[in-house]
Amino acid sequence: MSQEVKKGKSFLREAVILTVASFAVKIIGVVFKIPLTNILGENIGVFTAAYSIYAMLFMLSTSGLPVAVSKMVAASNEKGRGLEAKRISFLASIVFGIIGFVFMVLLIAFAPAVAEFTGHAESALAMRVIAPSLFFICICASVRGYFQGLHNMYPTAISQFIEAFFKLTVGLGAVMVADSMGASVAVQAACAISGVSVGTLFATIFIVIYRKFSKKCLPNDSDQTVRSNKTLLKLIVLVALPVTLTAAALYFSQFLDTLIIVNCLVSSGESNETAQTLYSAYTGLSVPIYDLLPATLVFPIATSILPAVSGALAVKKKKLASKLTAQAIRISGIIAVPCGAFLLVTGKSCISLLYGANKWSTPLTMANGSELLPLDAASVSLCILAFAVFFISIVSTCNSLLNAYGRPHLPFISVLAGIVILIGSEIALLYSPLGIQGAPMSSLICYLIVMLADIWFLRKCCGIRLKLVGMFARPVVCGVISAAVTYVVYKSAQVLWTMLVGGSLYTRAASFFILLASGIALVIAYAASILALKAIKEDEVRLLPCGNRIADLLIKHKLLKASQKSDEE
C-alpha cells in the first residue's frame, strides 16, 4: 500500500477514535445538564456563571498547548528524534503546569470579586471548587498533545471519557444529595461543579500513568539530537500563542453576543423580557445543537490531521502533505454536508428531544403585535445555522492545517476579520425585520468569510492547490437530494405518529421516533446519491474503517470507479 494511503488511513482512524470519544462525552454532557437544570431551576445561572469563568481560563491556558506539543512532537518523531519529543512534552508540562497553577490561585483568591462582577455573587464557592481543574487540565493537555503527535489517540479519548464520567457521577450525585439536605444555592452549585475538578484530576492521573508505563507507542529514537530547552520553549510559545489568540477571539465574539443581541432587540422596540427570552432560546437551544454535530463528527479530523501533515513536512514530503491536506478538507466537507441537511430538516424535533418543548411554548408578544413561540424562533435559528455547519467544519480543519504548515498566525487573521464582519452584520440584521434571526445569519456570514480566507491562505501561503467547486459540487448536490428525501420521510413520520399515537409531535417520544426515521432516510439517501453521482473517490473510500473491503465490494458491483493509479508502489 502506498505511503499516502497508509498515512491517510492513519489520520482518519485516529479521527474515528476521537469521534467515538467526543460522541460519548457529548451524550454524558446532555445527561448531566438536563437533571441539573431541573434541580437548580431558575438558579442554574449560578452554576453557569462559575462554569463560564472556568471555560474562559481553561481556553486561555490550554487551547494552544495540545496543538503546539502535537505539531512539534510529530515533527521530531518523524525525524527520529524521540528524546527531543519527550523533552518537548516535559517542558510543556512544566511551563503550562505553572500557568495553570497561577490561574488556579488567582481564581481562588478573586472568586468573590469575579462572582460579584458576573451578577451571581452565590457562584464564588463554585468558582473556588472548580479552580483546581485549571492546574490538572494543563498537565493533562500537554500529555494529550504528546500522544497525538505520536498518532496515538487512545489516551486522549479515554481521558476525555474519564473526565466526563466523573463530571456526571460526582457532580450530579453531589448536587442531588445537597438538594435533598436543603443546602443553599451556592452549595448546590459548588457540589454540581465539583465533578469537573474530580474528573480532570482522575483524567490527569490516568494519562500520566499511561505515559509512564505504556510500551504501546514509543517515539522513534534513531537520532539522538535534542535542541536546547530555550529553543524548544521558544518554538512552543510561537505555535501556542497564535492558536490561543485565535481561540480567545472566538470566545470574545461569543461574549459580544451577550452584549449585542439583547441591547439591539430592546433598541428595536422589543421588551427586555422578550429580548432576554429570545436570546436564551438562541444561545441555549439553537447554538448547542448546531455545535454538536461538527464538534462530534468533524472536529476530530482537525486534531488528527495536524500531526500527520506536520510529520510529513518535517521530512520534506511535500507531496504527501498536500495529498493529506486535500483529503482532510474534502472528507470534512463530505461529512459536514449531511449534518447540515439533517439540522435543516429536523431542527425543531432536535430541540424538542434534547430540551423539551413545554418550557419554550409560551407565546411572546412581539413589538409588531404578533405572537412568537421561543421554540419556533429557536428552530428557525437552527435551520439558518445548519448552512453554517459546512463552513465551520472546513474552518476547523483549515485552521489545523495552517498550524501544521507553520502559519499559526493566519487563522487568527481570518478569525479576526470574520469577527469584525460578524459584529457589523449582527447589529445591522438585528435591527432589520429579521429580528433575532439576524444573529444566526451573521454567524453564517462570518464563517463563510473565515472559510474563504483560510482557503486563500492555504493556496497562497502554503502552495496547496484547492478548487472548492471541484471538491464539493457533487457532495453538495447529494446533500440537497438527501435533504429532500429526508424532508419527505420527516413529514411522513409525523403523519404516522399522529395516526398511531396522536397528541403533540414535539414530545420527547415523538421527536425520537421522527428523528430516528429521518436519520435512517438521510444516511441511505446520502450514501446512494454519493455513489450514483460518483461524488467520492476510491482512495477516499479506502480511508474509511473497513474501507478496503467496502471499496472492493463497490468496485465489484460497479458502484464505484476504480482509480487508474495503482495503490502499490
Protein backbone atom coordinates (compact mmCIF):
# COMPACT_ATOMS: atom_id res chain seq x y z
CA MET A 1 0.00 0.00 0.00
CA SER A 2 1.31 3.45 -0.88
CA GLN A 3 2.56 5.76 1.83
CA GLU A 4 -0.21 8.25 1.03
CA VAL A 5 -2.90 5.63 1.68
CA LYS A 6 -1.19 4.45 4.87
CA LYS A 7 -0.91 7.98 6.23
CA GLY A 8 -4.45 8.75 5.15
CA LYS A 9 -5.87 5.69 6.87
CA SER A 10 -3.85 6.55 9.95
CA PHE A 11 -5.20 10.06 10.41
CA LEU A 12 -8.78 9.01 9.65
CA ARG A 13 -8.56 6.04 12.04
CA GLU A 14 -7.35 8.47 14.70
CA ALA A 15 -10.24 10.80 13.87
CA VAL A 16 -12.71 7.92 14.31
CA ILE A 17 -11.29 7.17 17.76
CA LEU A 18 -11.74 10.80 18.81
CA THR A 19 -15.20 10.89 17.22
CA VAL A 20 -16.41 7.97 19.33
CA ALA A 21 -14.99 9.62 22.46
CA SER A 22 -16.48 13.01 21.56
CA PHE A 23 -19.88 11.45 20.97
CA ALA A 24 -19.78 9.69 24.35
CA VAL A 25 -18.68 12.91 26.07
CA LYS A 26 -21.48 14.91 24.41
CA ILE A 27 -24.10 12.35 25.44
CA ILE A 28 -22.80 12.40 29.02
CA GLY A 29 -22.94 16.21 28.92
CA VAL A 30 -26.60 16.15 27.89
CA VAL A 31 -27.42 13.54 30.55
CA PHE A 32 -25.72 15.80 33.11
CA LYS A 33 -27.27 19.11 32.04
CA ILE A 34 -30.94 18.09 31.88
CA PRO A 35 -31.39 16.86 35.51
CA LEU A 36 -29.07 19.61 36.74
CA THR A 37 -31.31 22.22 35.15
CA ASN A 38 -34.34 20.58 36.75
CA ILE A 39 -32.69 20.58 40.21
CA LEU A 40 -31.33 24.13 40.16
CA GLY A 41 -34.22 25.57 38.16
CA GLU A 42 -34.01 29.33 37.83
CA ASN A 43 -30.76 29.24 39.86
CA ILE A 44 -28.90 27.45 37.04
CA GLY A 45 -27.29 30.82 36.32
CA VAL A 46 -25.18 30.43 39.47
CA PHE A 47 -23.66 27.23 38.06
CA THR A 48 -23.32 28.76 34.58
CA ALA A 49 -21.55 31.86 35.89
CA ALA A 50 -18.87 29.75 37.61
CA TYR A 51 -18.51 27.37 34.68
CA SER A 52 -18.20 30.20 32.13
CA ILE A 53 -15.28 31.75 34.06
CA TYR A 54 -13.62 28.33 34.21
CA ALA A 55 -14.25 27.83 30.48
CA MET A 56 -12.59 31.15 29.66
CA LEU A 57 -9.49 30.44 31.78
CA PHE A 58 -9.42 26.86 30.52
CA MET A 59 -9.40 28.12 26.92
CA LEU A 60 -6.64 30.65 27.61
CA SER A 61 -4.41 28.11 29.36
CA THR A 62 -4.88 25.07 27.11
CA SER A 63 -6.21 25.96 23.65
CA GLY A 64 -2.78 26.31 22.03
CA LEU A 65 -0.93 23.77 24.16
CA PRO A 66 -2.03 20.45 22.61
CA VAL A 67 -1.63 21.95 19.13
CA ALA A 68 1.93 23.11 19.80
CA VAL A 69 3.02 19.89 21.51
CA SER A 70 1.33 17.67 18.89
CA LYS A 71 2.91 19.55 15.98
CA MET A 72 6.43 19.62 17.46
CA VAL A 73 6.36 16.02 18.72
CA ALA A 74 5.15 14.78 15.32
CA ALA A 75 7.96 16.65 13.53
CA SER A 76 10.66 15.45 15.95
CA ASN A 77 9.40 11.87 15.89
CA GLU A 78 9.33 11.78 12.09
CA LYS A 79 13.00 12.81 12.10
CA GLY A 80 13.79 10.04 14.61
CA ARG A 81 14.39 12.46 17.49
CA GLY A 82 12.45 10.53 20.13
CA LEU A 83 14.38 12.04 23.03
CA GLU A 84 13.54 15.51 21.78
CA ALA A 85 9.86 14.57 21.54
CA LYS A 86 9.94 13.53 25.22
CA ARG A 87 11.75 16.73 26.17
CA ILE A 88 9.09 18.83 24.39
CA SER A 89 6.33 17.15 26.38
CA PHE A 90 8.25 17.55 29.65
CA LEU A 91 8.93 21.26 29.10
CA ALA A 92 5.32 21.89 28.05
CA SER A 93 4.05 20.15 31.19
CA ILE A 94 6.31 22.27 33.42
CA VAL A 95 5.59 25.62 31.76
CA PHE A 96 1.86 25.21 31.33
CA GLY A 97 1.54 23.48 34.69
CA ILE A 98 2.88 26.70 36.21
CA ILE A 99 0.41 28.75 34.13
CA GLY A 100 -2.46 26.53 35.24
CA PHE A 101 -1.36 26.80 38.88
CA VAL A 102 -1.25 30.60 38.64
CA PHE A 103 -4.76 30.72 37.14
CA MET A 104 -5.95 28.36 39.89
CA VAL A 105 -4.57 30.58 42.67
CA LEU A 106 -5.96 33.75 41.07
CA LEU A 107 -9.42 32.26 40.69
CA ILE A 108 -9.45 31.06 44.30
CA ALA A 109 -8.26 34.43 45.57
CA PHE A 110 -10.53 36.64 43.47
CA ALA A 111 -13.60 34.40 43.22
CA PRO A 112 -15.86 36.68 45.32
CA ALA A 113 -14.98 39.75 43.24
CA VAL A 114 -15.41 37.88 39.94
CA ALA A 115 -18.72 36.41 41.11
CA GLU A 116 -19.97 39.85 42.09
CA PHE A 117 -18.97 41.20 38.68
CA THR A 118 -20.96 38.49 36.87
CA GLY A 119 -24.06 39.36 38.88
CA HIS A 120 -24.13 35.96 40.63
CA ALA A 121 -22.46 36.51 44.00
CA GLU A 122 -23.51 32.99 45.08
CA SER A 123 -21.19 31.46 42.46
CA ALA A 124 -17.98 32.34 44.38
CA LEU A 125 -17.86 28.98 46.18
CA ALA A 126 -18.40 27.10 42.90
CA MET A 127 -15.55 29.05 41.29
CA ARG A 128 -13.21 28.03 44.10
CA VAL A 129 -14.27 24.39 43.83
CA ILE A 130 -13.60 24.28 40.10
CA ALA A 131 -10.30 26.21 40.28
CA PRO A 132 -8.00 23.14 40.82
CA SER A 133 -9.15 21.71 37.49
CA LEU A 134 -7.26 24.51 35.73
CA PHE A 135 -3.98 23.07 37.03
CA PHE A 136 -4.87 19.44 36.30
CA ILE A 137 -6.12 20.11 32.77
CA CYS A 138 -2.91 21.93 31.79
CA ILE A 139 -0.85 18.88 32.71
CA CYS A 140 -3.35 16.59 31.01
CA ALA A 141 -3.41 18.71 27.82
CA SER A 142 0.37 18.63 27.44
CA VAL A 143 0.44 14.83 27.68
CA ARG A 144 -2.50 14.54 25.28
CA GLY A 145 -0.57 16.64 22.77
CA TYR A 146 2.42 14.32 23.16
CA PHE A 147 0.42 11.21 22.33
CA GLN A 148 -1.44 12.95 19.50
CA GLY A 149 1.93 13.82 17.98
CA LEU A 150 2.77 10.10 18.08
CA HIS A 151 -0.55 9.31 16.34
CA ASN A 152 -1.94 7.60 19.44
CA MET A 153 -5.40 8.99 20.15
CA TYR A 154 -6.46 6.40 22.71
CA PRO A 155 -5.06 8.26 25.77
CA THR A 156 -6.86 11.45 24.70
CA ALA A 157 -10.12 9.60 24.07
CA ILE A 158 -10.01 7.62 27.33
CA SER A 159 -9.02 10.61 29.45
CA GLN A 160 -11.85 12.68 27.93
CA PHE A 161 -14.31 9.91 28.81
CA ILE A 162 -12.95 9.67 32.38
CA GLU A 163 -13.28 13.43 32.75
CA ALA A 164 -16.90 13.40 31.54
CA PHE A 165 -17.82 10.30 33.57
CA PHE A 166 -16.77 11.80 36.90
CA LYS A 167 -18.32 15.14 35.95
CA LEU A 168 -21.62 13.28 35.61
CA THR A 169 -21.47 10.84 38.52
CA VAL A 170 -19.75 13.00 41.13
CA GLY A 171 -21.32 16.31 40.13
CA LEU A 172 -24.87 15.03 39.72
CA GLY A 173 -24.64 12.78 42.77
CA ALA A 174 -23.32 15.60 44.96
CA VAL A 175 -25.96 18.12 43.87
CA MET A 176 -28.74 15.59 44.44
CA VAL A 177 -27.50 14.96 47.98
CA ALA A 178 -27.15 18.70 48.62
CA ASP A 179 -30.66 19.31 47.28
CA SER A 180 -32.15 16.58 49.50
CA MET A 181 -30.46 18.15 52.53
CA GLY A 182 -31.87 21.57 51.72
CA ALA A 183 -28.47 23.16 51.08
CA SER A 184 -28.20 26.72 49.82
CA VAL A 185 -27.99 27.57 46.12
CA ALA A 186 -24.28 28.37 46.49
CA VAL A 187 -23.55 24.95 48.00
CA GLN A 188 -25.66 23.12 45.40
CA ALA A 189 -23.84 24.86 42.53
CA ALA A 190 -20.46 24.06 44.13
CA CYS A 191 -21.47 20.40 44.51
CA ALA A 192 -22.62 20.24 40.88
CA ILE A 193 -19.36 21.70 39.62
CA SER A 194 -17.16 19.52 41.87
CA GLY A 195 -17.45 16.73 39.31
CA VAL A 196 -15.39 18.78 36.86
CA SER A 197 -12.45 19.04 39.28
CA VAL A 198 -12.66 15.37 40.23
CA GLY A 199 -12.91 14.38 36.57
CA THR A 200 -9.87 16.40 35.48
CA LEU A 201 -7.90 15.00 38.46
CA PHE A 202 -8.55 11.37 37.52
CA ALA A 203 -8.09 12.07 33.79
CA THR A 204 -4.67 13.55 34.57
CA ILE A 205 -3.72 10.64 36.83
CA PHE A 206 -4.69 8.17 34.11
CA ILE A 207 -2.81 9.84 31.27
CA VAL A 208 0.35 10.40 33.34
CA ILE A 209 0.38 6.73 34.44
CA TYR A 210 -0.30 5.65 30.85
CA ARG A 211 2.68 7.63 29.64
CA LYS A 212 4.89 6.20 32.38
CA PHE A 213 4.15 2.53 31.86
CA SER A 214 2.70 2.07 28.37
CA LYS A 215 5.00 0.50 25.78
CA LYS A 216 2.40 0.66 23.04
CA CYS A 217 3.54 3.82 21.29
CA LEU A 218 7.19 4.74 21.74
CA PRO A 219 8.90 7.57 19.84
CA ASN A 220 11.49 6.88 17.15
CA ASP A 221 14.94 7.15 18.78
CA SER A 222 17.13 6.71 15.68
CA ASP A 223 18.52 10.27 16.01
CA GLN A 224 19.79 11.34 19.44
CA THR A 225 19.79 15.05 18.56
CA VAL A 226 17.99 17.28 21.09
CA ARG A 227 17.72 21.02 20.67
CA SER A 228 18.24 23.28 23.68
CA ASN A 229 15.47 23.91 26.19
CA LYS A 230 15.47 27.59 25.23
CA THR A 231 14.94 26.80 21.55
CA LEU A 232 12.16 24.29 22.26
CA LEU A 233 10.36 26.63 24.66
CA LYS A 234 10.53 29.43 22.10
CA LEU A 235 9.00 27.17 19.45
CA ILE A 236 6.24 26.02 21.81
CA VAL A 237 5.29 29.63 22.55
CA LEU A 238 5.47 30.65 18.88
CA VAL A 239 2.95 27.95 17.98
CA ALA A 240 0.77 28.05 21.10
CA LEU A 241 0.35 31.84 21.34
CA PRO A 242 -1.35 32.45 17.95
CA VAL A 243 -3.65 29.44 18.50
CA THR A 244 -4.56 30.78 21.93
CA LEU A 245 -5.25 34.23 20.49
CA THR A 246 -7.49 32.67 17.83
CA ALA A 247 -9.47 30.77 20.47
CA ALA A 248 -9.65 33.93 22.60
CA ALA A 249 -11.03 35.88 19.64
CA LEU A 250 -13.76 33.27 19.12
CA TYR A 251 -14.60 33.32 22.82
CA PHE A 252 -14.70 37.12 22.75
CA SER A 253 -17.18 37.00 19.87
CA GLN A 254 -19.48 34.82 21.99
CA PHE A 255 -19.14 37.31 24.84
CA LEU A 256 -20.06 40.14 22.48
CA ASP A 257 -23.26 38.26 21.61
CA THR A 258 -24.39 38.68 25.22
CA LEU A 259 -23.98 42.45 24.86
CA ILE A 260 -25.19 42.99 21.30
CA ILE A 261 -28.23 40.75 20.84
CA VAL A 262 -30.36 41.82 23.80
CA ASN A 263 -29.45 45.51 23.52
CA CYS A 264 -30.21 45.60 19.79
CA LEU A 265 -33.54 43.82 20.20
CA VAL A 266 -34.58 46.19 23.00
CA SER A 267 -33.48 49.21 20.94
CA SER A 268 -35.53 47.94 18.01
CA GLY A 269 -38.68 48.01 20.16
CA GLU A 270 -38.89 44.62 21.88
CA SER A 271 -39.42 44.46 25.63
CA ASN A 272 -36.48 43.45 27.78
CA GLU A 273 -38.26 40.27 28.84
CA THR A 274 -38.94 39.26 25.23
CA ALA A 275 -35.37 40.07 24.20
CA GLN A 276 -33.95 38.00 27.07
CA THR A 277 -36.18 35.03 26.22
CA LEU A 278 -35.26 35.14 22.52
CA TYR A 279 -31.58 35.40 23.43
CA SER A 280 -31.89 32.41 25.78
CA ALA A 281 -33.70 30.40 23.10
CA TYR A 282 -30.99 31.16 20.55
CA THR A 283 -27.91 30.65 22.73
CA GLY A 284 -29.40 27.92 24.94
CA LEU A 285 -31.18 25.80 22.33
CA SER A 286 -30.01 26.52 18.78
CA VAL A 287 -26.28 27.11 19.28
CA PRO A 288 -25.52 23.99 21.41
CA ILE A 289 -27.22 21.69 18.89
CA TYR A 290 -25.50 23.47 15.99
CA ASP A 291 -22.16 22.86 17.73
CA LEU A 292 -22.96 19.22 18.49
CA LEU A 293 -22.61 17.51 15.10
CA PRO A 294 -19.46 19.19 13.74
CA ALA A 295 -17.81 19.03 17.17
CA THR A 296 -18.50 15.30 17.34
CA LEU A 297 -18.01 14.19 13.74
CA VAL A 298 -15.71 16.73 12.04
CA PHE A 299 -13.52 18.46 14.62
CA PRO A 300 -11.62 15.20 15.43
CA ILE A 301 -10.33 15.29 11.84
CA ALA A 302 -8.66 18.63 12.61
CA THR A 303 -6.97 17.13 15.67
CA SER A 304 -5.71 14.02 13.89
CA ILE A 305 -4.59 15.65 10.62
CA LEU A 306 -2.20 18.11 12.31
CA PRO A 307 0.48 15.58 13.41
CA ALA A 308 0.15 13.69 10.12
CA VAL A 309 0.87 16.78 7.99
CA SER A 310 3.46 18.15 10.44
CA GLY A 311 5.36 14.87 10.31
CA ALA A 312 5.30 14.77 6.52
CA LEU A 313 6.56 18.34 6.26
CA ALA A 314 9.30 17.72 8.83
CA VAL A 315 10.94 15.18 6.49
CA LYS A 316 10.20 17.34 3.42
CA LYS A 317 7.50 15.09 1.95
CA LYS A 318 5.54 17.99 0.49
CA LYS A 319 3.59 15.86 -1.99
CA LEU A 320 2.34 13.61 0.81
CA ALA A 321 1.44 16.66 2.93
CA SER A 322 -0.50 18.21 0.04
CA LYS A 323 -2.42 15.00 -0.56
CA LEU A 324 -3.31 14.63 3.11
CA THR A 325 -4.38 18.29 3.21
CA ALA A 326 -6.79 17.91 0.29
CA GLN A 327 -8.16 14.64 1.68
CA ALA A 328 -8.79 16.12 5.13
CA ILE A 329 -10.63 19.15 3.75
CA ARG A 330 -12.73 17.09 1.35
CA ILE A 331 -13.66 14.46 3.93
CA SER A 332 -14.58 17.22 6.39
CA GLY A 333 -16.94 18.66 3.80
CA ILE A 334 -18.39 15.27 2.82
CA ILE A 335 -19.25 14.62 6.48
CA ALA A 336 -20.49 18.15 7.17
CA VAL A 337 -22.97 18.28 4.27
CA PRO A 338 -25.40 15.61 5.61
CA CYS A 339 -25.02 17.02 9.15
CA GLY A 340 -26.25 20.39 7.92
CA ALA A 341 -29.01 18.77 5.88
CA PHE A 342 -30.25 16.88 8.93
CA LEU A 343 -30.42 20.00 11.11
CA LEU A 344 -32.10 21.96 8.31
CA VAL A 345 -34.96 19.47 8.07
CA THR A 346 -35.33 18.25 11.66
CA GLY A 347 -34.24 21.24 13.76
CA LYS A 348 -37.46 21.63 15.76
CA SER A 349 -37.59 17.95 16.68
CA CYS A 350 -33.92 18.02 17.71
CA ILE A 351 -34.65 20.84 20.15
CA SER A 352 -37.76 19.09 21.48
CA LEU A 353 -35.88 15.84 22.07
CA LEU A 354 -32.95 17.38 23.93
CA TYR A 355 -34.59 20.25 25.81
CA GLY A 356 -38.32 19.56 25.80
CA ALA A 357 -40.96 21.74 24.15
CA ASN A 358 -43.22 22.73 27.04
CA LYS A 359 -40.94 25.31 28.65
CA TRP A 360 -40.42 27.07 25.30
CA SER A 361 -44.02 27.04 24.04
CA THR A 362 -45.36 30.12 25.86
CA PRO A 363 -46.11 32.76 23.19
CA LEU A 364 -44.16 36.01 23.24
CA THR A 365 -45.85 39.25 22.20
CA MET A 366 -43.58 40.96 19.72
CA ALA A 367 -43.27 44.72 19.15
CA ASN A 368 -45.35 44.49 15.95
CA GLY A 369 -48.22 42.85 17.83
CA SER A 370 -47.66 39.31 16.54
CA GLU A 371 -47.01 36.29 18.74
CA LEU A 372 -43.96 34.05 18.54
CA LEU A 373 -43.10 30.82 20.34
CA PRO A 374 -39.49 30.70 21.61
CA LEU A 375 -39.38 27.11 20.31
CA ASP A 376 -40.26 28.30 16.81
CA ALA A 377 -37.69 31.11 16.98
CA ALA A 378 -35.00 28.64 18.07
CA SER A 379 -35.90 26.14 15.35
CA VAL A 380 -35.69 28.80 12.62
CA SER A 381 -32.32 29.90 14.01
CA LEU A 382 -31.12 26.29 13.92
CA CYS A 383 -32.23 25.95 10.29
CA ILE A 384 -30.14 29.01 9.40
CA LEU A 385 -27.16 27.71 11.37
CA ALA A 386 -27.50 24.39 9.52
CA PHE A 387 -25.96 26.07 6.47
CA ALA A 388 -23.03 27.23 8.60
CA VAL A 389 -22.19 23.65 9.66
CA PHE A 390 -20.31 23.17 6.40
CA PHE A 391 -18.36 26.41 6.78
CA ILE A 392 -17.31 25.89 10.40
CA SER A 393 -16.29 22.30 9.65
CA ILE A 394 -13.98 23.39 6.86
CA VAL A 395 -12.66 26.23 9.03
CA SER A 396 -11.71 23.87 11.89
CA THR A 397 -9.77 21.61 9.52
CA CYS A 398 -8.12 24.51 7.65
CA ASN A 399 -7.03 26.18 10.89
CA SER A 400 -5.37 22.96 11.99
CA LEU A 401 -3.68 22.60 8.61
CA LEU A 402 -2.35 26.17 8.68
CA ASN A 403 -0.82 25.36 12.08
CA ALA A 404 0.74 22.23 10.61
CA TYR A 405 2.28 24.31 7.78
CA GLY A 406 3.88 26.64 10.33
CA ARG A 407 1.44 29.52 9.75
CA PRO A 408 -0.38 29.68 13.12
CA HIS A 409 -0.90 33.45 12.82
CA LEU A 410 -3.03 33.16 9.68
CA PRO A 411 -6.10 31.57 11.36
CA PHE A 412 -6.04 34.45 13.85
CA ILE A 413 -6.13 36.96 10.98
CA SER A 414 -9.04 35.20 9.25
CA VAL A 415 -10.98 34.80 12.51
CA LEU A 416 -10.40 38.44 13.44
CA ALA A 417 -11.71 39.55 10.04
CA GLY A 418 -14.72 37.28 10.49
CA ILE A 419 -15.48 38.73 13.93
CA VAL A 420 -15.40 42.30 12.60
CA ILE A 421 -17.89 41.28 9.90
CA LEU A 422 -19.93 39.35 12.50
CA ILE A 423 -20.33 42.42 14.72
CA GLY A 424 -21.25 44.75 11.88
CA SER A 425 -23.71 42.38 10.22
CA GLU A 426 -25.25 41.32 13.55
CA ILE A 427 -26.03 44.89 14.57
CA ALA A 428 -27.48 45.67 11.14
CA LEU A 429 -29.56 42.49 10.87
CA LEU A 430 -30.92 42.56 14.42
CA TYR A 431 -32.40 45.99 13.68
CA SER A 432 -33.91 44.68 10.45
CA PRO A 433 -37.23 42.79 10.12
CA LEU A 434 -35.22 39.57 10.67
CA GLY A 435 -35.05 40.36 14.39
CA ILE A 436 -33.43 37.57 16.40
CA GLN A 437 -32.73 35.64 13.18
CA GLY A 438 -30.13 38.29 12.38
CA ALA A 439 -27.85 36.60 14.94
CA PRO A 440 -27.58 33.20 13.19
CA MET A 441 -27.48 34.93 9.81
CA SER A 442 -24.48 36.98 10.88
CA SER A 443 -22.74 33.82 12.16
CA LEU A 444 -23.34 32.24 8.77
CA ILE A 445 -21.75 35.21 7.01
CA CYS A 446 -18.85 35.25 9.49
CA TYR A 447 -17.87 31.62 9.00
CA LEU A 448 -18.23 31.88 5.22
CA ILE A 449 -15.70 34.74 5.22
CA VAL A 450 -13.35 32.87 7.57
CA MET A 451 -13.53 29.74 5.41
CA LEU A 452 -12.76 31.65 2.20
CA ALA A 453 -9.85 33.42 3.93
CA ASP A 454 -8.42 30.13 5.22
CA ILE A 455 -8.66 28.52 1.78
CA TRP A 456 -6.95 31.54 0.25
CA PHE A 457 -4.13 31.34 2.82
CA LEU A 458 -3.61 27.63 2.10
CA ARG A 459 -3.38 28.39 -1.61
CA LYS A 460 -1.18 31.49 -1.49
CA CYS A 461 0.99 30.93 1.59
CA CYS A 462 1.25 27.14 1.66
CA GLY A 463 1.12 26.37 -2.07
CA ILE A 464 -1.83 23.96 -1.85
CA ARG A 465 -3.98 23.67 -4.96
CA LEU A 466 -7.60 23.73 -3.77
CA LYS A 467 -10.65 24.21 -6.00
CA LEU A 468 -13.80 24.45 -3.89
CA VAL A 469 -16.24 23.88 -6.74
CA GLY A 470 -14.44 20.76 -7.92
CA MET A 471 -14.05 19.43 -4.37
CA PHE A 472 -17.59 19.98 -3.11
CA ALA A 473 -20.02 20.49 -6.03
CA ARG A 474 -21.15 16.87 -6.15
CA PRO A 475 -21.32 16.31 -2.37
CA VAL A 476 -23.46 19.47 -2.06
CA VAL A 477 -25.83 18.19 -4.78
CA CYS A 478 -26.00 14.89 -2.89
CA GLY A 479 -26.80 16.88 0.26
CA VAL A 480 -29.69 18.64 -1.49
CA ILE A 481 -31.07 15.31 -2.71
CA SER A 482 -30.77 13.68 0.71
CA ALA A 483 -32.36 16.74 2.39
CA ALA A 484 -35.37 16.45 0.05
CA VAL A 485 -35.74 12.73 0.76
CA THR A 486 -35.33 13.33 4.50
CA TYR A 487 -37.99 16.06 4.42
CA VAL A 488 -40.49 13.66 2.84
CA VAL A 489 -39.72 10.97 5.43
CA TYR A 490 -39.81 13.56 8.25
CA LYS A 491 -43.29 14.72 7.30
CA SER A 492 -44.45 11.13 6.72
CA ALA A 493 -43.17 10.10 10.16
CA GLN A 494 -45.12 12.99 11.71
CA VAL A 495 -48.30 11.86 9.94
CA LEU A 496 -47.69 8.24 11.01
CA TRP A 497 -47.14 9.26 14.65
CA THR A 498 -50.36 11.30 14.63
CA MET A 499 -52.31 8.36 13.20
CA LEU A 500 -50.88 5.74 15.57
CA VAL A 501 -50.35 7.67 18.81
CA GLY A 502 -51.80 11.16 18.49
CA GLY A 503 -51.00 14.10 20.70
CA SER A 504 -48.19 16.59 20.24
CA LEU A 505 -45.48 15.93 17.65
CA TYR A 506 -42.90 17.59 19.89
CA THR A 507 -42.86 15.35 22.94
CA ARG A 508 -39.55 13.56 23.51
CA ALA A 509 -41.04 10.19 22.47
CA ALA A 510 -42.49 11.61 19.25
CA SER A 511 -39.31 13.51 18.47
CA PHE A 512 -37.18 10.41 18.97
CA PHE A 513 -39.33 8.33 16.61
CA ILE A 514 -39.41 11.06 13.96
CA LEU A 515 -35.66 11.75 14.20
CA LEU A 516 -34.80 8.03 14.02
CA ALA A 517 -36.82 7.57 10.82
CA SER A 518 -35.42 10.79 9.34
CA GLY A 519 -31.82 9.91 10.25
CA ILE A 520 -32.02 6.48 8.63
CA ALA A 521 -33.51 8.02 5.49
CA LEU A 522 -30.77 10.66 5.38
CA VAL A 523 -27.93 8.14 5.64
CA ILE A 524 -29.39 5.88 2.94
CA ALA A 525 -30.23 8.76 0.58
CA TYR A 526 -26.84 10.45 1.00
CA ALA A 527 -24.85 7.25 0.56
CA ALA A 528 -26.89 6.26 -2.51
CA SER A 529 -26.58 9.69 -4.13
CA ILE A 530 -22.84 9.87 -3.35
CA LEU A 531 -22.32 6.59 -5.23
CA ALA A 532 -24.76 7.42 -8.03
CA LEU A 533 -23.14 10.79 -8.76
CA LYS A 534 -19.61 9.43 -8.21
CA ALA A 535 -19.02 12.10 -5.56
CA ILE A 536 -16.44 10.05 -3.67
CA LYS A 537 -13.22 8.52 -4.95
CA GLU A 538 -11.81 5.06 -4.42
CA ASP A 539 -8.87 6.26 -2.33
CA GLU A 540 -11.24 8.22 -0.07
CA VAL A 541 -13.41 5.15 0.49
CA ARG A 542 -10.31 3.15 1.39
CA LEU A 543 -9.56 5.65 4.14
CA LEU A 544 -12.77 4.73 5.94
CA PRO A 545 -12.96 2.00 8.61
CA CYS A 546 -13.08 -1.32 6.71
CA GLY A 547 -12.53 0.86 3.65
CA ASN A 548 -10.62 -1.73 1.60
CA ARG A 549 -13.44 -4.27 1.85
CA ILE A 550 -16.08 -1.63 1.13
CA ALA A 551 -14.17 -0.29 -1.88
CA ASP A 552 -13.56 -3.77 -3.32
CA LEU A 553 -17.23 -4.67 -2.90
CA LEU A 554 -18.43 -1.43 -4.53
CA ILE A 555 -15.98 -1.79 -7.43
CA LYS A 556 -17.05 -5.41 -7.92
CA HIS A 557 -20.69 -4.32 -8.28
CA LYS A 558 -19.67 -1.34 -10.42
CA LEU A 559 -20.93 1.16 -7.87
CA LEU A 560 -17.51 2.76 -7.53
CA LYS A 561 -15.00 3.57 -10.22
CA ALA A 562 -11.55 2.09 -9.67
CA SER A 563 -8.69 4.57 -9.64
CA GLN A 564 -6.37 4.30 -12.63
CA LYS A 565 -3.35 4.79 -10.41
CA SER A 566 -2.33 1.67 -8.52
CA ASP A 567 -2.14 1.77 -4.73
CA GLU A 568 1.04 -0.33 -4.81
CA GLU A 569 4.40 1.30 -5.29
